[in-house]
Protein backbone atom coordinates (compact mmCIF):
# COMPACT_ATOMS: atom_id res chain seq x y z
CA MET A 1 17.26 -0.32 -10.61
CA LYS A 2 13.94 -1.86 -11.62
CA ARG A 3 14.99 -5.35 -10.65
CA SER A 4 16.25 -4.11 -7.28
CA LEU A 5 12.85 -2.53 -6.66
CA ILE A 6 10.92 -5.72 -7.18
CA ALA A 7 13.47 -7.61 -5.08
CA SER A 8 12.88 -5.14 -2.25
CA LEU A 9 9.15 -5.60 -2.60
CA PHE A 10 9.45 -9.34 -2.18
CA MET A 11 11.81 -8.97 0.79
CA VAL A 12 9.25 -6.98 2.77
CA MET A 13 6.41 -9.29 1.73
CA PRO A 14 7.22 -12.83 2.83
CA ILE A 15 3.81 -14.03 1.62
CA LEU A 16 5.11 -13.57 -1.92
CA MET A 17 8.46 -15.18 -1.41
CA GLN A 18 8.62 -17.87 1.24
CA THR A 19 12.41 -18.22 0.98
CA ALA A 20 13.15 -14.51 1.49
CA PRO A 21 16.27 -13.92 3.61
CA ALA A 22 15.91 -13.02 7.27
CA GLN A 23 15.53 -9.30 7.92
CA ALA A 24 16.07 -7.13 10.95
CA HIS A 25 12.91 -6.92 12.99
CA TRP A 26 11.02 -3.66 12.63
CA GLY A 27 7.70 -2.32 13.79
CA TYR A 28 5.69 0.80 14.44
CA GLU A 29 6.44 1.39 18.11
CA GLY A 30 9.42 2.06 20.38
CA LYS A 31 13.00 1.36 19.33
CA GLU A 32 11.86 -0.59 16.27
CA GLY A 33 9.53 2.19 15.14
CA PRO A 34 9.73 4.36 11.99
CA ALA A 35 12.10 6.94 13.49
CA ASN A 36 14.72 4.21 13.92
CA TRP A 37 14.20 2.03 10.83
CA GLY A 38 17.32 3.36 9.13
CA GLU A 39 19.44 2.31 12.10
CA LEU A 40 18.15 -1.25 12.38
CA SER A 41 19.97 -2.62 9.33
CA ALA A 42 22.26 -1.46 6.56
CA ASP A 43 19.58 -2.77 4.20
CA PHE A 44 17.20 -0.15 5.63
CA ALA A 45 19.50 2.84 5.10
CA ALA A 46 17.16 4.48 2.60
CA CYS A 47 14.57 4.87 5.38
CA HIS A 48 16.92 7.47 6.89
CA THR A 49 18.97 8.80 3.98
CA GLY A 50 16.41 8.67 1.15
CA LYS A 51 15.23 11.97 -0.31
CA TYR A 52 12.10 10.71 -2.09
CA GLN A 53 10.35 8.86 0.68
CA SER A 54 6.69 7.96 1.18
CA PRO A 55 4.15 8.68 2.53
CA ILE A 56 3.64 12.42 2.07
CA ASN A 57 1.10 15.15 2.70
CA ILE A 58 -0.43 15.83 -0.71
CA THR A 59 -0.94 19.55 -1.14
CA HIS A 60 -0.45 22.27 -3.76
CA ALA A 61 -0.60 19.78 -6.62
CA LEU A 62 0.31 21.04 -10.08
CA ASP A 63 -2.61 20.66 -12.50
CA ILE A 64 -1.30 19.00 -15.67
CA SER A 65 -4.50 17.10 -16.54
CA LEU A 66 -3.23 13.58 -15.89
CA PRO A 67 -4.64 10.96 -18.26
CA PRO A 68 -7.50 8.84 -16.86
CA LEU A 69 -6.74 5.43 -15.43
CA THR A 70 -8.66 2.41 -16.65
CA PHE A 71 -8.41 -0.64 -14.39
CA THR A 72 -9.39 -4.08 -15.65
CA TYR A 73 -9.22 -6.46 -12.74
CA ASN A 74 -9.53 -10.21 -13.34
CA VAL A 75 -8.21 -11.16 -9.94
CA THR A 76 -7.53 -14.61 -8.59
CA HIS A 77 -6.95 -14.27 -4.87
CA GLU A 78 -4.38 -16.66 -3.46
CA SER A 79 -3.97 -16.03 0.25
CA ILE A 80 -4.41 -13.54 3.07
CA VAL A 81 -2.10 -13.01 6.04
CA ASN A 82 -1.86 -10.90 9.15
CA ASN A 83 1.92 -10.50 9.16
CA GLY A 84 2.07 -8.27 12.22
CA HIS A 85 2.59 -5.20 10.04
CA THR A 86 -0.57 -5.24 7.94
CA ILE A 87 -3.43 -7.32 6.57
CA GLN A 88 -2.20 -8.39 3.14
CA VAL A 89 -3.95 -10.16 0.28
CA THR A 90 -1.85 -11.82 -2.40
CA ALA A 91 -3.34 -11.94 -5.87
CA LYS A 92 -2.70 -13.00 -9.43
CA ASP A 93 -4.07 -10.87 -12.21
CA GLU A 94 -4.00 -10.32 -15.92
CA ASP A 95 -3.17 -6.92 -17.40
CA VAL A 96 -4.59 -4.28 -15.07
CA PHE A 97 -3.67 -0.86 -16.41
CA SER A 98 -1.19 1.02 -18.53
CA LEU A 99 1.06 3.77 -17.18
CA ASP A 100 3.90 5.47 -19.04
CA ASP A 101 3.44 2.93 -21.86
CA GLU A 102 4.06 0.05 -19.45
CA THR A 103 1.60 -2.63 -18.38
CA PHE A 104 1.16 -3.19 -14.65
CA GLN A 105 -0.33 -6.21 -12.92
CA LEU A 106 -1.69 -6.44 -9.39
CA VAL A 107 0.67 -8.32 -7.07
CA GLN A 108 -0.94 -7.72 -3.69
CA TYR A 109 -2.92 -5.22 -1.68
CA HIS A 110 -2.82 -4.33 1.99
CA PHE A 111 -4.15 -1.84 4.52
CA HIS A 112 -2.94 0.90 6.87
CA ALA A 113 -4.96 2.29 9.78
CA PRO A 114 -4.83 5.24 9.99
CA SER A 115 -3.82 6.35 6.49
CA GLU A 116 -0.19 6.96 5.62
CA ASN A 117 -0.58 9.57 2.90
CA GLN A 118 -2.53 12.68 3.79
CA ILE A 119 -4.50 15.01 1.52
CA ASP A 120 -4.27 18.68 2.46
CA GLY A 121 -3.25 17.64 5.95
CA LYS A 122 -6.16 15.25 6.43
CA SER A 123 -5.52 11.74 7.69
CA TYR A 124 -8.13 9.09 6.90
CA PRO A 125 -9.16 6.14 9.11
CA LEU A 126 -7.95 3.55 6.59
CA GLU A 127 -5.84 3.47 3.42
CA ALA A 128 -5.50 0.59 0.96
CA HIS A 129 -2.36 0.14 -1.12
CA PHE A 130 -2.71 -1.82 -4.36
CA VAL A 131 0.81 -2.83 -5.34
CA HIS A 132 1.38 -3.37 -9.06
CA ALA A 133 4.47 -4.47 -10.95
CA THR A 134 5.63 -4.78 -14.54
CA LYS A 135 7.42 -7.84 -15.82
CA ASP A 136 10.65 -5.84 -15.55
CA GLY A 137 10.07 -5.03 -11.89
CA ALA A 138 8.86 -1.43 -12.00
CA LEU A 139 6.42 -0.67 -9.19
CA ALA A 140 3.29 1.44 -9.04
CA VAL A 141 1.14 1.75 -5.92
CA VAL A 142 -2.45 2.90 -6.18
CA ALA A 143 -3.68 4.29 -2.86
CA VAL A 144 -7.34 4.53 -1.88
CA MET A 145 -8.57 6.38 1.20
CA PHE A 146 -11.50 5.19 3.32
CA ASP A 147 -13.71 7.50 5.37
CA LEU A 148 -16.33 6.47 7.91
CA GLY A 149 -19.78 5.93 6.44
CA GLU A 150 -21.63 3.04 4.86
CA GLU A 151 -20.36 -0.52 5.13
CA ASN A 152 -18.14 -1.67 2.27
CA ARG A 153 -19.24 -5.17 1.28
CA ALA A 154 -15.95 -5.99 -0.43
CA LEU A 155 -14.13 -5.20 2.81
CA THR A 156 -16.54 -7.43 4.71
CA THR A 157 -15.35 -10.43 2.69
CA ILE A 158 -11.74 -9.59 3.53
CA ILE A 159 -12.49 -9.01 7.21
CA ASP A 160 -14.39 -12.30 7.49
CA THR A 161 -11.41 -14.15 5.97
CA MET A 162 -8.42 -12.47 7.63
CA PRO A 163 -6.75 -14.64 10.28
CA ASN A 164 -6.34 -13.58 13.90
CA GLN A 165 -3.11 -15.54 14.19
CA GLN A 166 -0.11 -13.65 12.91
CA ASN A 167 2.17 -14.95 10.16
CA LYS A 168 -0.20 -17.69 9.11
CA ASP A 169 -1.21 -17.67 5.46
CA VAL A 170 -4.85 -18.54 4.88
CA GLU A 171 -6.06 -19.68 1.48
CA PHE A 172 -8.42 -17.06 0.05
CA LYS A 173 -11.20 -18.83 -1.86
CA LYS A 174 -13.89 -16.15 -1.67
CA HIS A 175 -14.53 -13.69 -4.47
CA VAL A 176 -13.76 -10.03 -3.80
CA ASP A 177 -15.04 -7.35 -6.13
CA VAL A 178 -11.79 -5.38 -6.29
CA ALA A 179 -13.53 -2.65 -8.27
CA ALA A 180 -15.67 -1.97 -5.19
CA LEU A 181 -12.50 -1.01 -3.34
CA TYR A 182 -12.04 1.96 -5.69
CA PRO A 183 -14.02 5.21 -5.95
CA ALA A 184 -16.24 5.71 -8.99
CA ASP A 185 -14.35 8.91 -9.79
CA LYS A 186 -10.79 7.77 -10.43
CA THR A 187 -9.09 11.16 -10.65
CA TYR A 188 -5.79 11.00 -8.83
CA TYR A 189 -2.62 12.64 -7.64
CA ARG A 190 0.77 11.37 -8.75
CA TYR A 191 4.21 11.63 -7.22
CA SER A 192 7.50 9.75 -7.08
CA GLY A 193 8.19 8.03 -3.78
CA SER A 194 9.22 4.85 -2.01
CA LEU A 195 7.97 1.78 -0.24
CA THR A 196 6.50 2.91 3.09
CA THR A 197 8.07 0.00 4.98
CA PRO A 198 11.70 -1.16 5.25
CA PRO A 199 13.80 -1.20 3.13
CA CYS A 200 12.02 2.02 1.96
CA THR A 201 13.25 1.51 -1.61
CA GLU A 202 12.72 4.55 -3.83
CA GLY A 203 11.61 4.78 -7.45
CA VAL A 204 7.99 3.79 -6.77
CA ARG A 205 5.26 5.53 -8.78
CA TRP A 206 2.47 6.63 -6.46
CA LEU A 207 -1.09 7.20 -7.68
CA VAL A 208 -3.36 8.44 -4.89
CA MET A 209 -7.09 8.54 -5.58
CA LYS A 210 -8.51 12.00 -4.84
CA ASN A 211 -11.87 10.69 -3.66
CA PRO A 212 -12.34 8.40 -0.66
CA ILE A 213 -14.78 5.54 -0.33
CA THR A 214 -16.41 4.39 2.90
CA LEU A 215 -16.21 1.70 5.52
CA SER A 216 -18.34 1.37 8.62
CA ALA A 217 -17.14 2.10 12.14
CA GLU A 218 -17.55 -1.60 12.94
CA GLN A 219 -15.36 -2.60 10.00
CA LEU A 220 -12.68 -0.16 11.11
CA LYS A 221 -12.76 -1.58 14.65
CA LYS A 222 -12.16 -5.07 13.28
CA PHE A 223 -9.13 -3.92 11.29
CA GLN A 224 -7.75 -2.11 14.34
CA ALA A 225 -8.33 -5.16 16.56
CA ALA A 226 -6.51 -7.44 14.12
CA LEU A 227 -3.55 -5.07 13.73
CA LYS A 228 -3.37 -4.31 17.49
CA HIS A 229 -1.59 -1.00 16.82
CA ALA A 230 -1.46 1.84 14.31
CA ASN A 231 0.57 0.82 11.25
CA ASN A 232 1.18 4.12 9.49
CA ARG A 233 4.60 5.58 8.79
CA PRO A 234 4.61 9.37 9.44
CA VAL A 235 4.59 11.66 6.41
CA GLN A 236 8.01 12.40 4.94
CA PRO A 237 9.53 15.66 3.58
CA LEU A 238 8.88 16.46 -0.07
CA ASN A 239 12.46 17.63 -0.66
CA GLY A 240 11.48 19.54 -3.76
CA ARG A 241 9.28 16.90 -5.33
CA VAL A 242 6.35 18.02 -7.45
CA ILE A 243 2.89 16.50 -6.96
CA VAL A 244 0.72 16.53 -10.08
CA ASP A 245 -2.92 15.93 -10.80
């Protein structure tokens, strides 16, 4: 199961695996939009039949006093791409954080505008997904919400580097303070979910930061202009899942 998860991750992220097999074309609008993903390919069946899908509306969380998360980012950025679905930065990192007695490393991070997950029914202008993996292929996604406010300097570096041309990898030589893309207060919600893009593979551990950080209206406009359309999958049913904090 773990190995199939990491394989699915690579299949939906061609920047990480240049020889990935061809996939059915999918998008966020019309016949190729989220409502039809499960019908586009047998490989995407979980998008329709899965019971533990992401994103979700986070509400009525059960307070179990989750342990604090300590992130130690020593990131080497490799490339950035506008793949038509998102703006994605590929990274190499040393040990980042421990979860369930497993060590996770940052593989890549990308952005959704507007947010995919919601908190108490609220959608945010932008959401970042930091995708981490263990050596055995287990996945954990840390989600950070962005609200309109002060400019985020770390985002400015990304925006200045991201290519306008789709599906063209650009070498990322600039330093990004990844810590500045996280809130100071790292309390979080946790739930079990899936990839939010085809093949919608389940078994992903989701950690959603409770507190948003800010980006400016101008920064948001630049993300929206590069993406050309909203790239958020609608929230999915909980189907009995418990959200904890």
